[in-house]
Protein backbone atom coordinates (compact mmCIF):
# COMPACT_ATOMS: atom_id res chain seq x y z
CA ASP A 1 158.17 97.93 109.72
CA ASP A 2 155.15 95.62 109.60
CA ALA A 3 155.77 93.92 112.95
CA ASP A 4 156.03 97.27 114.70
CA ARG A 5 152.84 98.52 113.02
CA ALA A 6 150.99 95.32 113.99
CA ALA A 7 152.14 95.69 117.61
CA ARG A 8 150.97 99.31 117.74
CA TYR A 9 147.58 98.35 116.30
CA GLN A 10 147.26 95.54 118.81
CA ARG A 11 147.94 97.95 121.69
CA LEU A 12 145.34 100.36 120.32
CA HIS A 13 142.78 97.58 119.87
CA GLY A 14 143.42 96.45 123.45
CA LEU A 15 142.87 100.00 124.65
CA TYR A 16 139.72 100.76 122.64
CA ALA A 17 137.94 97.40 122.46
CA PRO A 18 136.56 97.66 126.04
CA GLU A 19 135.33 101.16 125.25
CA ALA A 20 133.62 99.91 122.08
CA ARG A 21 131.82 97.22 124.12
CA LYS A 22 130.65 99.86 126.62
CA VAL A 23 129.26 101.99 123.78
CA VAL A 24 127.43 98.97 122.37
CA GLU A 25 125.97 98.26 125.82
CA GLU A 26 124.71 101.83 126.05
CA LEU A 27 123.18 101.74 122.55
CA ARG A 28 121.66 98.31 123.31
CA GLU A 29 119.26 96.18 121.28
CA MET A 30 120.34 95.72 117.66
CA PHE A 31 123.81 97.07 118.40
CA VAL A 32 124.25 94.26 120.92
CA LYS A 33 123.01 91.76 118.35
CA VAL A 34 125.50 93.02 115.74
CA ALA A 35 128.35 92.91 118.27
CA GLN A 36 127.36 89.35 119.20
CA VAL A 37 127.63 88.37 115.54
CA LEU A 38 130.97 90.17 115.17
CA SER A 39 132.32 88.33 118.21
CA VAL A 40 132.53 85.12 116.17
CA ARG A 41 133.75 86.63 112.89
CA PRO A 42 137.57 86.75 112.83
CA GLU A 43 137.56 88.11 109.29
CA ALA A 44 135.50 91.12 110.38
CA VAL A 45 137.12 92.55 113.51
CA PRO A 46 140.40 92.15 115.42
CA GLU A 47 140.67 89.60 118.22
CA GLU A 48 140.61 92.23 120.98
CA TYR A 49 137.17 93.41 119.83
CA ARG A 50 135.88 89.86 119.40
CA ASN A 51 136.95 89.06 122.96
CA GLU A 52 135.11 92.10 124.31
CA PHE A 53 132.01 91.55 122.16
CA ARG A 54 131.95 87.90 123.24
CA LYS A 55 131.08 89.16 126.73
CA LEU A 56 127.73 90.26 125.28
CA GLN A 57 126.82 86.68 124.33
CA ASP A 58 125.51 85.87 127.79
CA CYS A 59 125.37 89.13 129.71
CA ALA A 60 123.55 91.82 127.76
CA PRO A 61 122.61 94.84 129.89
CA PRO A 62 118.98 94.90 131.06
CA ALA A 63 116.57 97.75 130.43
CA ARG A 64 115.21 99.91 133.23
CA TRP A 65 111.93 98.74 134.79
CA ASP A 66 109.69 101.67 133.72
CA PRO A 67 109.91 101.06 129.95
CA ILE A 68 109.47 97.32 130.52
CA ARG A 69 106.40 97.87 132.70
CA HIS A 70 104.98 100.19 130.04
CA VAL A 71 105.42 97.54 127.32
CA LEU A 72 103.80 94.86 129.50
CA GLU A 73 100.83 97.06 130.36
CA ARG A 74 100.39 98.14 126.74
CA ASP A 75 100.53 94.57 125.45
CA LEU A 76 98.41 93.08 128.25
CA GLY A 77 95.89 95.93 128.29
CA ALA A 78 96.00 96.23 132.08
CA PRO A 79 98.34 97.24 134.90
CA VAL A 80 100.83 94.50 135.76
CA ALA A 81 99.47 94.42 139.34
CA GLU A 82 96.07 93.36 137.94
CA VAL A 83 97.51 90.64 135.70
CA PHE A 84 100.20 89.12 137.92
CA ASP A 85 100.09 88.28 141.61
CA GLN A 86 103.76 89.26 141.73
CA ILE A 87 106.46 90.35 139.29
CA ASP A 88 110.17 90.77 139.93
CA GLN A 89 111.38 94.08 138.59
CA GLU A 90 114.92 92.70 138.43
CA PRO A 91 115.16 90.59 135.25
CA LEU A 92 116.25 86.96 135.29
CA GLY A 93 118.23 87.67 132.16
CA ALA A 94 118.57 90.10 129.30
CA ALA A 95 119.28 89.64 125.62
CA SER A 96 119.71 91.92 122.65
CA ILE A 97 115.99 92.48 122.00
CA GLY A 98 114.31 91.72 125.31
CA GLN A 99 114.50 90.37 128.81
CA ALA A 100 112.74 87.89 131.10
CA HIS A 101 111.08 88.49 134.47
CA ARG A 102 109.90 86.06 137.11
CA VAL A 103 106.18 86.37 137.86
CA VAL A 104 103.49 84.66 139.87
CA TRP A 105 100.38 84.32 137.73
CA GLN A 106 97.17 82.82 139.11
CA GLY A 107 99.17 81.46 142.03
CA ARG A 108 101.75 79.71 139.83
CA PRO A 109 105.35 80.72 139.24
CA ALA A 110 106.12 81.62 135.65
CA VAL A 111 108.45 83.68 133.50
CA VAL A 112 107.37 86.45 131.17
CA LYS A 113 109.55 87.55 128.26
CA VAL A 114 109.32 91.20 127.30
CA GLN A 115 110.53 92.64 124.01
CA TYR A 116 112.23 96.02 124.36
CA PRO A 117 109.96 98.93 123.38
CA ASP A 118 111.70 99.80 120.11
CA ALA A 119 113.21 96.41 119.22
CA ALA A 120 110.83 95.70 116.35
CA ALA A 121 111.25 99.16 114.84
CA MET A 122 115.03 98.94 115.11
CA LEU A 123 115.01 95.52 113.48
CA ARG A 124 112.98 96.82 110.54
CA ALA A 125 115.19 99.92 110.22
CA ASP A 126 118.45 97.95 110.37
CA PHE A 127 117.44 95.23 107.94
């Protein structure tokens, strides 16, 4: 009957929603952005998935330091050690298309935002 079917689906959603969030975290960037949108769309995905995807609203996984350093050096045209007095390799926060790092620049504390290496290309490809 319908109630039994709904209960079975709910159990399956509860089982697989956390796995779906983990896959999104591994795929990163635009996948995180799409999951963030889905987290507030009850007509699009079941509640169990929305609850899991909602976790990505304020805790997206950060990228590894090497690709971030490469982007900074490419965009700044110099090694980060020549531009900044200090830079924290651990990000202050991460979002779907980039992350922020604490720096000391010309003796002053600051924050630098870094777009993920392929964020722009993924955005163009997805939209």
